[in-house]
Amino acid sequence: MFSRARLRRASRLWPLLAVLVVIGLVVGLGGFARRTDMLRPAEPGTEIDSHNLVFTINTATLQAVAPITGDTEWKVQVYGLVRNPGDEALAPILGPNGNFVLHDATSGLIAEAETVTLGASGRRALVPPGNTTLPMTIDFTLPAGYAPQAEVELAVAQMEHTANAVLGLNDGELVWNIDSYAPASLLRLPLTRLPDAPR
């Protein structure tokens, strides 16, 4: 027969056992697996409405660039078109909360868009309203540790126009942000390898 002391010790362990069972169920049911419902496959050459701008992504190139100091970097340029169905001129959004993220599925490397060139001259900073289609080039840099692959993934985020009020410090101004509830469009782009850039 169990003593009262043993029963008391066993009764203290039941919350820990319950937590372990819940964690086991979550892991077993895929609770920590990569979310795929937040990615919507898209084909190159199709229009992607990001709500701020409409993009058509066509091709991508890869080129090794050896800086004066440091290891060789890999420049990826993504080519496509952009149009603005809205009423005010807008620029594609760059950075960690921007329109584009480059991903190498083999290594897991991720790069944010560094620059976007609009139009043929590259002097344009904004996409004018009125649905005029402009050529667009998006520039990314992958580090020296990147091993060239045959393709790369590009995620194009859905955006929303909202007021970001924190502790009431926003005056209600609307800004473009990533829509955290809308799936991003994921394109698999073949990479055309260009000759290494001259030093």
Protein backbone atom coordinates (compact mmCIF):
# COMPACT_ATOMS: atom_id res chain seq x y z
CA MET A 1 0.00 0.00 0.00
CA PHE A 2 1.14 3.53 -0.77
CA SER A 3 1.95 5.77 2.14
CA ARG A 4 0.34 9.19 2.43
CA ALA A 5 3.72 10.88 1.82
CA ARG A 6 4.10 9.06 -1.51
CA LEU A 7 0.57 9.97 -2.54
CA ARG A 8 1.23 13.64 -1.69
CA ARG A 9 4.44 13.64 -3.77
CA ALA A 10 2.66 11.99 -6.68
CA SER A 11 -0.19 14.53 -6.49
CA ARG A 12 2.37 17.37 -6.79
CA LEU A 13 3.72 15.90 -10.03
CA TRP A 14 0.42 15.77 -11.91
CA PRO A 15 0.66 19.40 -13.23
CA LEU A 16 4.10 18.63 -14.68
CA LEU A 17 2.79 15.43 -16.27
CA ALA A 18 -0.19 17.30 -17.71
CA VAL A 19 2.13 19.92 -19.29
CA LEU A 20 4.31 17.17 -20.79
CA VAL A 21 1.26 15.46 -22.27
CA VAL A 22 0.04 18.76 -23.82
CA ILE A 23 3.49 19.49 -25.29
CA GLY A 24 3.63 15.96 -26.70
CA LEU A 25 0.21 16.41 -28.34
CA VAL A 26 1.17 19.80 -29.84
CA VAL A 27 4.40 18.42 -31.28
CA GLY A 28 2.70 15.25 -32.49
CA LEU A 29 0.00 17.22 -34.29
CA GLY A 30 2.53 19.50 -36.01
CA GLY A 31 2.10 22.55 -33.80
CA PHE A 32 5.73 23.60 -34.25
CA ALA A 33 5.98 22.82 -37.95
CA ARG A 34 6.50 25.58 -40.53
CA ARG A 35 3.23 27.33 -41.30
CA THR A 36 2.33 26.89 -44.93
CA ASP A 37 -1.09 28.50 -44.72
CA MET A 38 0.65 31.90 -44.67
CA LEU A 39 2.19 31.26 -48.10
CA ARG A 40 0.22 31.20 -51.34
CA PRO A 41 2.08 29.76 -54.36
CA ALA A 42 2.28 32.10 -57.35
CA GLU A 43 3.73 31.66 -60.82
CA PRO A 44 6.25 34.01 -62.43
CA GLY A 45 4.54 36.36 -64.87
CA THR A 46 1.26 36.56 -62.94
CA GLU A 47 0.06 39.73 -61.21
CA ILE A 48 0.26 39.89 -57.41
CA ASP A 49 -1.91 42.53 -55.78
CA SER A 50 -0.15 43.62 -52.59
CA HIS A 51 -2.83 46.25 -51.95
CA ASN A 52 -0.32 49.12 -52.03
CA LEU A 53 0.99 48.19 -55.51
CA VAL A 54 0.48 45.42 -58.06
CA PHE A 55 3.60 43.46 -59.00
CA THR A 56 4.43 41.06 -61.82
CA ILE A 57 7.63 39.13 -61.09
CA ASN A 58 9.25 37.55 -64.14
CA THR A 59 12.91 36.50 -63.82
CA ALA A 60 16.00 36.63 -61.59
CA THR A 61 19.77 36.71 -62.09
CA LEU A 62 22.70 35.83 -59.83
CA GLN A 63 26.17 37.37 -59.97
CA ALA A 64 29.27 36.99 -57.81
CA VAL A 65 30.66 40.36 -56.71
CA ALA A 66 34.07 40.61 -55.05
CA PRO A 67 34.27 43.76 -52.92
CA ILE A 68 37.63 45.48 -52.38
CA THR A 69 37.75 44.03 -48.88
CA GLY A 70 35.99 40.94 -47.61
CA ASP A 71 34.61 37.80 -49.17
CA THR A 72 32.67 37.48 -52.39
CA GLU A 73 29.00 38.40 -52.10
CA TRP A 74 26.18 37.25 -54.33
CA LYS A 75 23.95 39.85 -55.94
CA VAL A 76 20.47 38.74 -56.93
CA GLN A 77 18.41 40.96 -59.21
CA VAL A 78 14.72 40.23 -59.65
CA TYR A 79 13.02 41.70 -62.72
CA GLY A 80 9.36 42.47 -63.21
CA LEU A 81 6.70 45.12 -63.59
CA VAL A 82 4.78 47.32 -61.16
CA ARG A 83 1.64 49.42 -61.40
CA ASN A 84 -0.29 51.59 -58.98
CA PRO A 85 -4.11 51.26 -58.97
CA GLY A 86 -4.41 53.83 -56.14
CA ASP A 87 -4.84 57.60 -56.04
CA GLU A 88 -1.40 58.68 -54.75
CA ALA A 89 2.13 57.97 -55.90
CA LEU A 90 3.79 55.20 -53.87
CA ALA A 91 7.18 53.53 -53.64
CA PRO A 92 7.66 49.79 -53.07
CA ILE A 93 8.35 49.26 -49.37
CA LEU A 94 11.82 47.99 -48.44
CA GLY A 95 13.29 46.58 -45.24
CA PRO A 96 12.05 44.01 -42.71
CA ASN A 97 8.42 45.11 -43.07
CA GLY A 98 8.57 45.61 -46.80
CA ASN A 99 7.00 44.07 -49.87
CA PHE A 100 9.76 41.55 -50.68
CA VAL A 101 11.81 38.83 -48.97
CA LEU A 102 14.28 36.57 -50.80
CA HIS A 103 14.78 33.03 -49.47
CA ASP A 104 17.19 30.25 -50.38
CA ALA A 105 15.34 27.04 -49.57
CA THR A 106 18.53 24.95 -49.44
CA SER A 107 20.47 26.97 -46.86
CA GLY A 108 17.61 28.89 -45.24
CA LEU A 109 19.32 32.23 -45.97
CA ILE A 110 16.98 35.22 -46.10
CA ALA A 111 17.63 38.66 -47.63
CA GLU A 112 15.58 41.84 -47.61
CA ALA A 113 15.28 44.03 -50.69
CA GLU A 114 17.99 46.70 -50.66
CA THR A 115 16.94 48.87 -53.58
CA VAL A 116 14.22 48.98 -56.21
CA THR A 117 14.85 50.61 -59.59
CA LEU A 118 11.70 51.90 -61.27
CA GLY A 119 11.41 52.70 -64.96
CA ALA A 120 14.08 52.56 -67.63
CA SER A 121 16.21 55.44 -66.34
CA GLY A 122 16.31 54.52 -62.65
CA ARG A 123 15.64 58.15 -61.66
CA ARG A 124 12.07 57.52 -60.59
CA ALA A 125 11.39 56.98 -56.87
CA LEU A 126 7.60 56.59 -56.93
CA VAL A 127 5.07 54.61 -58.94
CA PRO A 128 2.50 57.13 -60.21
CA PRO A 129 -1.23 56.46 -59.81
CA GLY A 130 -3.34 55.54 -62.80
CA ASN A 131 -2.19 51.96 -63.49
CA THR A 132 0.77 52.92 -65.68
CA THR A 133 3.03 49.85 -65.84
CA LEU A 134 6.72 50.42 -65.13
CA PRO A 135 9.66 48.03 -65.39
CA MET A 136 11.14 47.23 -61.99
CA THR A 137 14.40 45.71 -60.73
CA ILE A 138 14.74 44.58 -57.09
CA ASP A 139 18.26 44.15 -55.66
CA PHE A 140 19.24 41.67 -52.94
CA THR A 141 22.60 40.58 -51.50
CA LEU A 142 23.34 37.07 -50.22
CA PRO A 143 26.49 36.52 -48.09
CA ALA A 144 29.69 34.77 -49.11
CA GLY A 145 28.49 31.53 -47.51
CA TYR A 146 25.72 31.17 -50.08
CA ALA A 147 26.15 28.22 -52.45
CA PRO A 148 24.61 29.06 -55.85
CA GLN A 149 21.39 27.20 -56.59
CA ALA A 150 19.24 26.76 -59.68
CA GLU A 151 16.35 28.72 -58.17
CA VAL A 152 15.42 31.08 -55.38
CA GLU A 153 12.16 31.84 -53.57
CA LEU A 154 10.65 35.32 -53.42
CA ALA A 155 7.86 36.16 -51.00
CA VAL A 156 5.66 39.15 -51.83
CA ALA A 157 3.78 40.37 -48.76
CA GLN A 158 0.21 41.62 -48.64
CA MET A 159 0.00 45.10 -47.14
CA GLU A 160 -2.68 47.04 -45.26
CA HIS A 161 -3.15 50.80 -44.82
CA THR A 162 -3.59 51.33 -41.08
CA ALA A 163 -2.89 53.78 -38.27
CA ASN A 164 -0.27 52.40 -35.88
CA ALA A 165 -1.26 53.88 -32.54
CA VAL A 166 0.97 52.98 -29.60
CA LEU A 167 -0.20 54.37 -26.25
CA GLY A 168 -2.21 56.96 -28.13
CA LEU A 169 0.93 58.56 -29.62
CA ASN A 170 -0.21 58.39 -33.23
CA ASP A 171 -2.27 61.20 -34.69
CA GLY A 172 -4.24 58.77 -36.83
CA GLU A 173 -1.93 58.96 -39.85
CA LEU A 174 -2.33 55.93 -42.10
CA VAL A 175 0.80 54.01 -43.12
CA TRP A 176 1.41 50.83 -45.13
CA ASN A 177 2.20 47.75 -43.03
CA ILE A 178 2.40 44.01 -43.65
CA ASP A 179 -1.03 42.46 -43.22
CA SER A 180 -0.25 39.78 -40.63
CA TYR A 181 -3.46 37.89 -41.42
CA ALA A 182 -3.06 37.70 -45.20
CA PRO A 183 -0.89 35.03 -46.85
CA ALA A 184 2.22 36.15 -48.73
CA SER A 185 2.62 35.09 -52.36
CA LEU A 186 5.58 32.73 -52.85
CA LEU A 187 7.30 32.50 -56.23
CA ARG A 188 10.02 30.03 -57.22
CA LEU A 189 12.28 31.83 -59.67
CA PRO A 190 14.94 30.13 -61.82
CA LEU A 191 18.29 31.89 -61.33
CA THR A 192 20.27 32.84 -64.43
CA ARG A 193 23.96 32.92 -63.46
CA LEU A 194 25.79 35.96 -64.88
CA PRO A 195 29.57 36.16 -65.31
CA ASP A 196 31.36 37.31 -62.16
CA ALA A 197 31.51 41.08 -61.81
CA PRO A 198 34.95 42.55 -62.54
CA ARG A 199 36.92 43.89 -59.58
